[in-house]
């Protein structure tokens, strides 16, 4: 696939195509973030069900969704993949 000429312009040592690739990776990561954090909180509830007798699945999910979402989005998946798409000067 040939990259159009306007996407070959360089800004800070990176082509516009590289910035576009990084933006798409971050948007996909944000879209999958909710799904992955929900699945992970359900798995954690099943693993800790016998130890957390007074906590329902909905309560545990509400407690874990924000920290898990930030961890998945920022630390593990999206930022490292997007960072690999561009070169930092």
PDB file of N, CA and C in Angstrom:
ATOM      1  N   UNK A   1       0.849  -1.180   0.000  1.00  0.00           N
ATOM      2  CA  UNK A   1       0.000   0.000   0.000  1.00  0.00           C
ATOM      3  C   UNK A   1       0.891   1.239   0.000  1.00  0.00           C
ATOM      4  N   UNK A   2       0.620   2.132  -0.889  1.00  0.00           N
ATOM      5  CA  UNK A   2       1.390   3.370  -1.023  1.00  0.00           C
ATOM      6  C   UNK A   2       0.824   4.441  -0.098  1.00  0.00           C
ATOM      7  N   UNK A   3       1.702   5.096   0.634  1.00  0.00           N
ATOM      8  CA  UNK A   3       1.305   6.173   1.543  1.00  0.00           C
ATOM      9  C   UNK A   3       1.183   7.461   0.734  1.00  0.00           C
ATOM     10  N   UNK A   4       0.056   8.194   0.862  1.00  0.00           N
ATOM     11  CA  UNK A   4      -0.090   9.467   0.146  1.00  0.00           C
ATOM     12  C   UNK A   4       0.995  10.460   0.560  1.00  0.00           C
ATOM     13  N   UNK A   5       1.279  11.385  -0.341  1.00  0.00           N
ATOM     14  CA  UNK A   5       2.365  12.341  -0.119  1.00  0.00           C
ATOM     15  C   UNK A   5       2.150  13.239   1.109  1.00  0.00           C
ATOM     16  N   UNK A   6       0.901  13.649   1.358  1.00  0.00           N
ATOM     17  CA  UNK A   6       0.684  14.549   2.491  1.00  0.00           C
ATOM     18  C   UNK A   6       0.929  13.845   3.826  1.00  0.00           C
ATOM     19  N   UNK A   7       0.847  12.516   3.863  1.00  0.00           N
ATOM     20  CA  UNK A   7       1.143  11.788   5.095  1.00  0.00           C
ATOM     21  C   UNK A   7       2.634  11.536   5.279  1.00  0.00           C
ATOM     22  N   UNK A   8       3.433  11.892   4.282  1.00  0.00           N
ATOM     23  CA  UNK A   8       4.879  11.721   4.387  1.00  0.00           C
ATOM     24  C   UNK A   8       5.582  12.960   4.954  1.00  0.00           C
ATOM     25  N   UNK A   9       4.846  14.024   5.189  1.00  0.00           N
ATOM     26  CA  UNK A   9       5.462  15.217   5.791  1.00  0.00           C
ATOM     27  C   UNK A   9       5.990  14.876   7.165  1.00  0.00           C
ATOM     28  N   UNK A  10       7.148  15.428   7.474  1.00  0.00           N
ATOM     29  CA  UNK A  10       7.771  15.139   8.764  1.00  0.00           C
ATOM     30  C   UNK A  10       7.584  16.290   9.740  1.00  0.00           C
ATOM     31  N   UNK A  11       7.217  15.921  10.958  1.00  0.00           N
ATOM     32  CA  UNK A  11       7.095  16.875  12.064  1.00  0.00           C
ATOM     33  C   UNK A  11       7.815  16.242  13.239  1.00  0.00           C
ATOM     34  N   UNK A  12       8.829  16.909  13.757  1.00  0.00           N
ATOM     35  CA  UNK A  12       9.635  16.415  14.868  1.00  0.00           C
ATOM     36  C   UNK A  12      10.230  15.039  14.593  1.00  0.00           C
ATOM     37  N   UNK A  13      10.620  14.802  13.352  1.00  0.00           N
ATOM     38  CA  UNK A  13      11.285  13.557  12.989  1.00  0.00           C
ATOM     39  C   UNK A  13      10.353  12.400  12.688  1.00  0.00           C
ATOM     40  N   UNK A  14       9.058  12.617  12.714  1.00  0.00           N
ATOM     41  CA  UNK A  14       8.084  11.570  12.423  1.00  0.00           C
ATOM     42  C   UNK A  14       7.190  12.006  11.279  1.00  0.00           C
ATOM     43  N   UNK A  15       6.788  11.027  10.474  1.00  0.00           N
ATOM     44  CA  UNK A  15       5.849  11.323   9.413  1.00  0.00           C
ATOM     45  C   UNK A  15       4.450  11.449  10.000  1.00  0.00           C
ATOM     46  N   UNK A  16       3.585  12.171   9.295  1.00  0.00           N
ATOM     47  CA  UNK A  16       2.200  12.295   9.743  1.00  0.00           C
ATOM     48  C   UNK A  16       1.526  10.926   9.825  1.00  0.00           C
ATOM     49  N   UNK A  17       1.936  10.005   8.956  1.00  0.00           N
ATOM     50  CA  UNK A  17       1.395   8.655   8.990  1.00  0.00           C
ATOM     51  C   UNK A  17       1.692   7.974  10.329  1.00  0.00           C
ATOM     52  N   UNK A  18       2.869   8.210  10.879  1.00  0.00           N
ATOM     53  CA  UNK A  18       3.219   7.632  12.183  1.00  0.00           C
ATOM     54  C   UNK A  18       2.331   8.193  13.288  1.00  0.00           C
ATOM     55  N   UNK A  19       2.075   9.491  13.266  1.00  0.00           N
ATOM     56  CA  UNK A  19       1.183  10.095  14.251  1.00  0.00           C
ATOM     57  C   UNK A  19      -0.245   9.556  14.103  1.00  0.00           C
ATOM     58  N   UNK A  20      -0.686   9.377  12.864  1.00  0.00           N
ATOM     59  CA  UNK A  20      -2.016   8.831  12.610  1.00  0.00           C
ATOM     60  C   UNK A  20      -2.112   7.399  13.128  1.00  0.00           C
ATOM     61  N   UNK A  21      -1.069   6.611  12.927  1.00  0.00           N
ATOM     62  CA  UNK A  21      -1.035   5.241  13.429  1.00  0.00           C
ATOM     63  C   UNK A  21      -1.115   5.220  14.950  1.00  0.00           C
ATOM     64  N   UNK A  22      -0.359   6.082  15.609  1.00  0.00           N
ATOM     65  CA  UNK A  22      -0.383   6.154  17.066  1.00  0.00           C
ATOM     66  C   UNK A  22      -1.771   6.573  17.565  1.00  0.00           C
ATOM     67  N   UNK A  23      -2.417   7.504  16.888  1.00  0.00           N
ATOM     68  CA  UNK A  23      -3.752   7.952  17.291  1.00  0.00           C
ATOM     69  C   UNK A  23      -4.779   6.825  17.136  1.00  0.00           C
ATOM     70  N   UNK A  24      -4.681   6.060  16.064  1.00  0.00           N
ATOM     71  CA  UNK A  24      -5.608   4.939  15.855  1.00  0.00           C
ATOM     72  C   UNK A  24      -5.406   3.879  16.938  1.00  0.00           C
ATOM     73  N   UNK A  25      -4.165   3.598  17.282  1.00  0.00           N
ATOM     74  CA  UNK A  25      -3.879   2.627  18.343  1.00  0.00           C
ATOM     75  C   UNK A  25      -4.475   3.099  19.664  1.00  0.00           C
ATOM     76  N   UNK A  26      -4.333   4.375  19.976  1.00  0.00           N
ATOM     77  CA  UNK A  26      -4.876   4.901  21.234  1.00  0.00           C
ATOM     78  C   UNK A  26      -6.403   4.869  21.236  1.00  0.00           C
ATOM     79  N   UNK A  27      -7.040   5.155  20.110  1.00  0.00           N
ATOM     80  CA  UNK A  27      -8.501   5.100  20.039  1.00  0.00           C
ATOM     81  C   UNK A  27      -9.016   3.671  20.176  1.00  0.00           C
ATOM     82  N   UNK A  28      -8.351   2.725  19.542  1.00  0.00           N
ATOM     83  CA  UNK A  28      -8.743   1.323  19.692  1.00  0.00           C
ATOM     84  C   UNK A  28      -8.541   0.847  21.127  1.00  0.00           C
ATOM     85  N   UNK A  29      -7.464   1.282  21.741  1.00  0.00           N
ATOM     86  CA  UNK A  29      -7.220   0.932  23.138  1.00  0.00           C
ATOM     87  C   UNK A  29      -8.288   1.491  24.052  1.00  0.00           C
ATOM     88  N   UNK A  30      -8.720   2.706  23.790  1.00  0.00           N
ATOM     89  CA  UNK A  30      -9.781   3.310  24.598  1.00  0.00           C
ATOM     90  C   UNK A  30     -11.105   2.574  24.398  1.00  0.00           C
ATOM     91  N   UNK A  31     -11.351   2.121  23.172  1.00  0.00           N
ATOM     92  CA  UNK A  31     -12.590   1.394  22.902  1.00  0.00           C
ATOM     93  C   UNK A  31     -12.592   0.023  23.578  1.00  0.00           C
ATOM     94  N   UNK A  32     -11.475  -0.643  23.578  1.00  0.00           N
ATOM     95  CA  UNK A  32     -11.385  -1.966  24.194  1.00  0.00           C
ATOM     96  C   UNK A  32     -11.185  -1.908  25.705  1.00  0.00           C
ATOM     97  N   UNK A  33     -10.845  -0.750  26.205  1.00  0.00           N
ATOM     98  CA  UNK A  33     -10.560  -0.581  27.623  1.00  0.00           C
ATOM     99  C   UNK A  33     -11.737  -1.010  28.498  1.00  0.00           C
ATOM    100  N   UNK A  34     -12.906  -0.567  28.186  1.00  0.00           N
ATOM    101  CA  UNK A  34     -14.098  -0.865  28.989  1.00  0.00           C
ATOM    102  C   UNK A  34     -14.367  -2.371  29.011  1.00  0.00           C
ATOM    103  N   UNK A  35     -14.270  -3.005  27.845  1.00  0.00           N
ATOM    104  CA  UNK A  35     -14.532  -4.432  27.751  1.00  0.00           C
ATOM    105  C   UNK A  35     -13.504  -5.247  28.541  1.00  0.00           C
ATOM    106  N   UNK A  36     -12.246  -4.931  28.367  1.00  0.00           N
ATOM    107  CA  UNK A  36     -11.196  -5.679  29.053  1.00  0.00           C
ATOM    108  C   UNK A  36     -11.243  -5.490  30.566  1.00  0.00           C
ATOM    109  N   UNK A  37     -11.522  -4.288  31.021  1.00  0.00           N
ATOM    110  CA  UNK A  37     -11.584  -4.071  32.466  1.00  0.00           C
ATOM    111  C   UNK A  37     -12.793  -4.764  33.079  1.00  0.00           C
ATOM    112  N   UNK A  38     -13.893  -4.834  32.355  1.00  0.00           N
ATOM    113  CA  UNK A  38     -15.073  -5.557  32.854  1.00  0.00           C
ATOM    114  C   UNK A  38     -14.772  -7.055  32.953  1.00  0.00           C
ATOM    115  N   UNK A  39     -14.153  -7.616  31.931  1.00  0.00           N
ATOM    116  CA  UNK A  39     -13.815  -9.038  31.962  1.00  0.00           C
ATOM    117  C   UNK A  39     -12.827  -9.358  33.077  1.00  0.00           C
ATOM    118  N   UNK A  40     -11.864  -8.489  33.279  1.00  0.00           N
ATOM    119  CA  UNK A  40     -10.873  -8.711  34.322  1.00  0.00           C
ATOM    120  C   UNK A  40     -11.492  -8.602  35.714  1.00  0.00           C
ATOM    121  N   UNK A  41     -12.412  -7.669  35.908  1.00  0.00           N
ATOM    122  CA  UNK A  41     -13.052  -7.551  37.220  1.00  0.00           C
ATOM    123  C   UNK A  41     -13.949  -8.756  37.495  1.00  0.00           C
ATOM    124  N   UNK A  42     -14.601  -9.304  36.466  1.00  0.00           N
ATOM    125  CA  UNK A  42     -15.401 -10.514  36.665  1.00  0.00           C
ATOM    126  C   UNK A  42     -14.521 -11.703  37.027  1.00  0.00           C
ATOM    127  N   UNK A  43     -13.375 -11.802  36.383  1.00  0.00           N
ATOM    128  CA  UNK A  43     -12.451 -12.894  36.698  1.00  0.00           C
ATOM    129  C   UNK A  43     -11.905 -12.760  38.114  1.00  0.00           C
ATOM    130  N   UNK A  44     -11.592 -11.544  38.525  1.00  0.00           N
ATOM    131  CA  UNK A  44     -11.117 -11.330  39.895  1.00  0.00           C
ATOM    132  C   UNK A  44     -12.203 -11.646  40.919  1.00  0.00           C
ATOM    133  N   UNK A  45     -13.452 -11.344  40.592  1.00  0.00           N
ATOM    134  CA  UNK A  45     -14.546 -11.673  41.516  1.00  0.00           C
ATOM    135  C   UNK A  45     -14.679 -13.179  41.677  1.00  0.00           C
ATOM    136  N   UNK A  46     -14.565 -13.911  40.569  1.00  0.00           N
ATOM    137  CA  UNK A  46     -14.670 -15.366  40.664  1.00  0.00           C
ATOM    138  C   UNK A  46     -13.524 -15.961  41.468  1.00  0.00           C
ATOM    139  N   UNK A  47     -12.326 -15.385  41.332  1.00  0.00           N
ATOM    140  CA  UNK A  47     -11.188 -15.889  42.093  1.00  0.00           C
ATOM    141  C   UNK A  47     -11.285 -15.585  43.579  1.00  0.00           C
ATOM    142  N   UNK A  48     -11.879 -14.452  43.923  1.00  0.00           N
ATOM    143  CA  UNK A  48     -11.928 -14.031  45.326  1.00  0.00           C
ATOM    144  C   UNK A  48     -13.320 -14.151  45.934  1.00  0.00           C
ATOM    145  N   UNK A  49     -14.207 -14.898  45.308  1.00  0.00           N
ATOM    146  CA  UNK A  49     -15.594 -14.984  45.761  1.00  0.00           C
ATOM    147  C   UNK A  49     -15.702 -15.515  47.191  1.00  0.00           C
ATOM    148  N   UNK A  50     -14.964 -16.513  47.533  1.00  0.00           N
ATOM    149  CA  UNK A  50     -15.093 -17.093  48.872  1.00  0.00           C
ATOM    150  C   UNK A  50     -14.458 -16.230  49.955  1.00  0.00           C
ATOM    151  N   UNK A  51     -13.530 -15.337  49.572  1.00  0.00           N
ATOM    152  CA  UNK A  51     -12.862 -14.472  50.552  1.00  0.00           C
ATOM    153  C   UNK A  51     -13.612 -13.154  50.774  1.00  0.00           C
ATOM    154  N   UNK A  52     -14.446 -12.773  49.834  1.00  0.00           N
ATOM    155  CA  UNK A  52     -15.197 -11.514  49.933  1.00  0.00           C
ATOM    156  C   UNK A  52     -16.685 -11.821  50.030  1.00  0.00           C
ATOM    157  N   UNK A  53     -17.086 -12.372  51.136  1.00  0.00           N
ATOM    158  CA  UNK A  53     -18.470 -12.827  51.301  1.00  0.00           C
ATOM    159  C   UNK A  53     -19.463 -11.668  51.337  1.00  0.00           C
ATOM    160  N   UNK A  54     -19.078 -10.514  51.841  1.00  0.00           N
ATOM    161  CA  UNK A  54     -20.016  -9.407  51.982  1.00  0.00           C
ATOM    162  C   UNK A  54     -20.085  -8.482  50.788  1.00  0.00           C
ATOM    163  N   UNK A  55     -19.324  -8.760  49.737  1.00  0.00           N
ATOM    164  CA  UNK A  55     -19.262  -7.852  48.590  1.00  0.00           C
ATOM    165  C   UNK A  55     -19.889  -8.533  47.378  1.00  0.00           C
ATOM    166  N   UNK A  56     -20.801  -7.840  46.714  1.00  0.00           N
ATOM    167  CA  UNK A  56     -21.426  -8.397  45.515  1.00  0.00           C
ATOM    168  C   UNK A  56     -20.535  -8.140  44.301  1.00  0.00           C
ATOM    169  N   UNK A  57     -20.879  -8.798  43.215  1.00  0.00           N
ATOM    170  CA  UNK A  57     -20.100  -8.629  41.987  1.00  0.00           C
ATOM    171  C   UNK A  57     -20.190  -7.197  41.460  1.00  0.00           C
ATOM    172  N   UNK A  58     -21.355  -6.588  41.571  1.00  0.00           N
ATOM    173  CA  UNK A  58     -21.532  -5.209  41.103  1.00  0.00           C
ATOM    174  C   UNK A  58     -20.704  -4.232  41.929  1.00  0.00           C
ATOM    175  N   UNK A  59     -20.661  -4.447  43.257  1.00  0.00           N
ATOM    176  CA  UNK A  59     -19.866  -3.562  44.111  1.00  0.00           C
ATOM    177  C   UNK A  59     -18.374  -3.690  43.803  1.00  0.00           C
ATOM    178  N   UNK A  60     -17.908  -4.919  43.633  1.00  0.00           N
ATOM    179  CA  UNK A  60     -16.499  -5.119  43.312  1.00  0.00           C
ATOM    180  C   UNK A  60     -16.165  -4.516  41.954  1.00  0.00           C
ATOM    181  N   UNK A  61     -17.071  -4.684  41.013  1.00  0.00           N
ATOM    182  CA  UNK A  61     -16.854  -4.105  39.686  1.00  0.00           C
ATOM    183  C   UNK A  61     -16.766  -2.582  39.767  1.00  0.00           C
ATOM    184  N   UNK A  62     -17.653  -1.963  40.532  1.00  0.00           N
ATOM    185  CA  UNK A  62     -17.618  -0.500  40.671  1.00  0.00           C
ATOM    186  C   UNK A  62     -16.335  -0.019  41.336  1.00  0.00           C
ATOM    187  N   UNK A  63     -15.808  -0.808  42.259  1.00  0.00           N
ATOM    188  CA  UNK A  63     -14.559  -0.439  42.922  1.00  0.00           C
ATOM    189  C   UNK A  63     -13.345  -0.615  42.013  1.00  0.00           C
ATOM    190  N   UNK A  64     -13.382  -1.605  41.141  1.00  0.00           N
ATOM    191  CA  UNK A  64     -12.205  -1.943  40.340  1.00  0.00           C
ATOM    192  C   UNK A  64     -12.184  -1.340  38.945  1.00  0.00           C
ATOM    193  N   UNK A  65     -13.308  -0.896  38.424  1.00  0.00           N
ATOM    194  CA  UNK A  65     -13.369  -0.493  37.018  1.00  0.00           C
ATOM    195  C   UNK A  65     -12.444   0.678  36.694  1.00  0.00           C
ATOM    196  N   UNK A  66     -12.386   1.669  37.534  1.00  0.00           N
ATOM    197  CA  UNK A  66     -11.550   2.828  37.241  1.00  0.00           C
ATOM    198  C   UNK A  66     -10.057   2.507  37.355  1.00  0.00           C
ATOM    199  N   UNK A  67      -9.585   1.878  38.436  1.00  0.00           N
ATOM    200  CA  UNK A  67      -8.153   1.557  38.486  1.00  0.00           C
ATOM    201  C   UNK A  67      -7.724   0.559  37.414  1.00  0.00           C
ATOM    202  N   UNK A  68      -8.559  -0.449  37.144  1.00  0.00           N
ATOM    203  CA  UNK A  68      -8.203  -1.415  36.110  1.00  0.00           C
ATOM    204  C   UNK A  68      -8.191  -0.770  34.737  1.00  0.00           C
ATOM    205  N   UNK A  69      -9.141   0.113  34.500  1.00  0.00           N
ATOM    206  CA  UNK A  69      -9.192   0.795  33.212  1.00  0.00           C
ATOM    207  C   UNK A  69      -7.961   1.653  32.978  1.00  0.00           C
ATOM    208  N   UNK A  70      -7.543   2.365  34.005  1.00  0.00           N
ATOM    209  CA  UNK A  70      -6.344   3.200  33.868  1.00  0.00           C
ATOM    210  C   UNK A  70      -5.104   2.339  33.676  1.00  0.00           C
ATOM    211  N   UNK A  71      -5.025   1.242  34.405  1.00  0.00           N
ATOM    212  CA  UNK A  71      -3.875   0.349  34.275  1.00  0.00           C
ATOM    213  C   UNK A  71      -3.807  -0.259  32.882  1.00  0.00           C
ATOM    214  N   UNK A  72      -4.939  -0.751  32.390  1.00  0.00           N
ATOM    215  CA  UNK A  72      -4.950  -1.366  31.067  1.00  0.00           C
ATOM    216  C   UNK A  72      -4.679  -0.340  29.979  1.00  0.00           C
ATOM    217  N   UNK A  73      -5.327   0.819  30.096  1.00  0.00           N
ATOM    218  CA  UNK A  73      -5.197   1.815  29.037  1.00  0.00           C
ATOM    219  C   UNK A  73      -3.808   2.439  29.005  1.00  0.00           C
ATOM    220  N   UNK A  74      -3.336   2.882  30.138  1.00  0.00           N
ATOM    221  CA  UNK A  74      -2.085   3.624  30.168  1.00  0.00           C
ATOM    222  C   UNK A  74      -0.861   2.725  30.190  1.00  0.00           C
ATOM    223  N   UNK A  75      -0.860   1.764  31.085  1.00  0.00           N
ATOM    224  CA  UNK A  75       0.379   1.056  31.342  1.00  0.00           C
ATOM    225  C   UNK A  75       0.666  -0.137  30.485  1.00  0.00           C
ATOM    226  N   UNK A  76      -0.326  -0.920  30.194  1.00  0.00           N
ATOM    227  CA  UNK A  76      -0.028  -2.213  29.611  1.00  0.00           C
ATOM    228  C   UNK A  76      -0.160  -2.285  28.099  1.00  0.00           C
ATOM    229  N   UNK A  77      -1.190  -1.667  27.551  1.00  0.00           N
ATOM    230  CA  UNK A  77      -1.457  -1.905  26.146  1.00  0.00           C
ATOM    231  C   UNK A  77      -1.284  -0.687  25.246  1.00  0.00           C
ATOM    232  N   UNK A  78      -2.035   0.339  25.509  1.00  0.00           N
ATOM    233  CA  UNK A  78      -2.171   1.407  24.534  1.00  0.00           C
ATOM    234  C   UNK A  78      -0.935   2.283  24.407  1.00  0.00           C
ATOM    235  N   UNK A  79      -0.445   2.830  25.505  1.00  0.00           N
ATOM    236  CA  UNK A  79       0.689   3.745  25.411  1.00  0.00           C
ATOM    237  C   UNK A  79       1.953   3.085  24.879  1.00  0.00           C
ATOM    238  N   UNK A  80       2.332   1.878  25.333  1.00  0.00           N
ATOM    239  CA  UNK A  80       3.537   1.272  24.748  1.00  0.00           C
ATOM    240  C   UNK A  80       3.412   0.992  23.254  1.00  0.00           C
ATOM    241  N   UNK A  81       2.233   0.569  22.804  1.00  0.00           N
ATOM    242  CA  UNK A  81       2.062   0.317  21.371  1.00  0.00           C
ATOM    243  C   UNK A  81       2.099   1.612  20.572  1.00  0.00           C
ATOM    244  N   UNK A  82       1.449   2.640  21.089  1.00  0.00           N
ATOM    245  CA  UNK A  82       1.463   3.929  20.396  1.00  0.00           C
ATOM    246  C   UNK A  82       2.860   4.534  20.402  1.00  0.00           C
ATOM    247  N   UNK A  83       3.590   4.347  21.471  1.00  0.00           N
ATOM    248  CA  UNK A  83       4.953   4.885  21.571  1.00  0.00           C
ATOM    249  C   UNK A  83       5.874   4.221  20.551  1.00  0.00           C
ATOM    250  N   UNK A  84       5.653   2.944  20.279  1.00  0.00           N
ATOM    251  CA  UNK A  84       6.478   2.244  19.299  1.00  0.00           C
ATOM    252  C   UNK A  84       6.217   2.762  17.877  1.00  0.00           C
ATOM    253  N   UNK A  85       5.074   3.365  17.648  1.00  0.00           N
ATOM    254  CA  UNK A  85       4.739   3.845  16.314  1.00  0.00           C
ATOM    255  C   UNK A  85       5.460   5.139  15.961  1.00  0.00           C
ATOM    256  N   UNK A  86       5.926   5.899  16.961  1.00  0.00           N
ATOM    257  CA  UNK A  86       6.608   7.153  16.680  1.00  0.00           C
ATOM    258  C   UNK A  86       8.016   7.131  17.278  1.00  0.00           C
ATOM    259  N   UNK A  87       8.851   7.989  16.775  1.00  0.00           N
ATOM    260  CA  UNK A  87      10.222   8.149  17.278  1.00  0.00           C
ATOM    261  C   UNK A  87      10.314   9.423  18.076  1.00  0.00           C
ATOM    262  N   UNK A  88      10.817   9.336  19.282  1.00  0.00           N
ATOM    263  CA  UNK A  88      10.984  10.535  20.091  1.00  0.00           C
ATOM    264  C   UNK A  88      12.375  11.091  19.844  1.00  0.00           C
ATOM    265  N   UNK A  89      12.443  12.389  19.530  1.00  0.00           N
ATOM    266  CA  UNK A  89      13.758  12.969  19.230  1.00  0.00           C
ATOM    267  C   UNK A  89      14.643  13.108  20.462  1.00  0.00           C
TER     268      UNK A  89
END
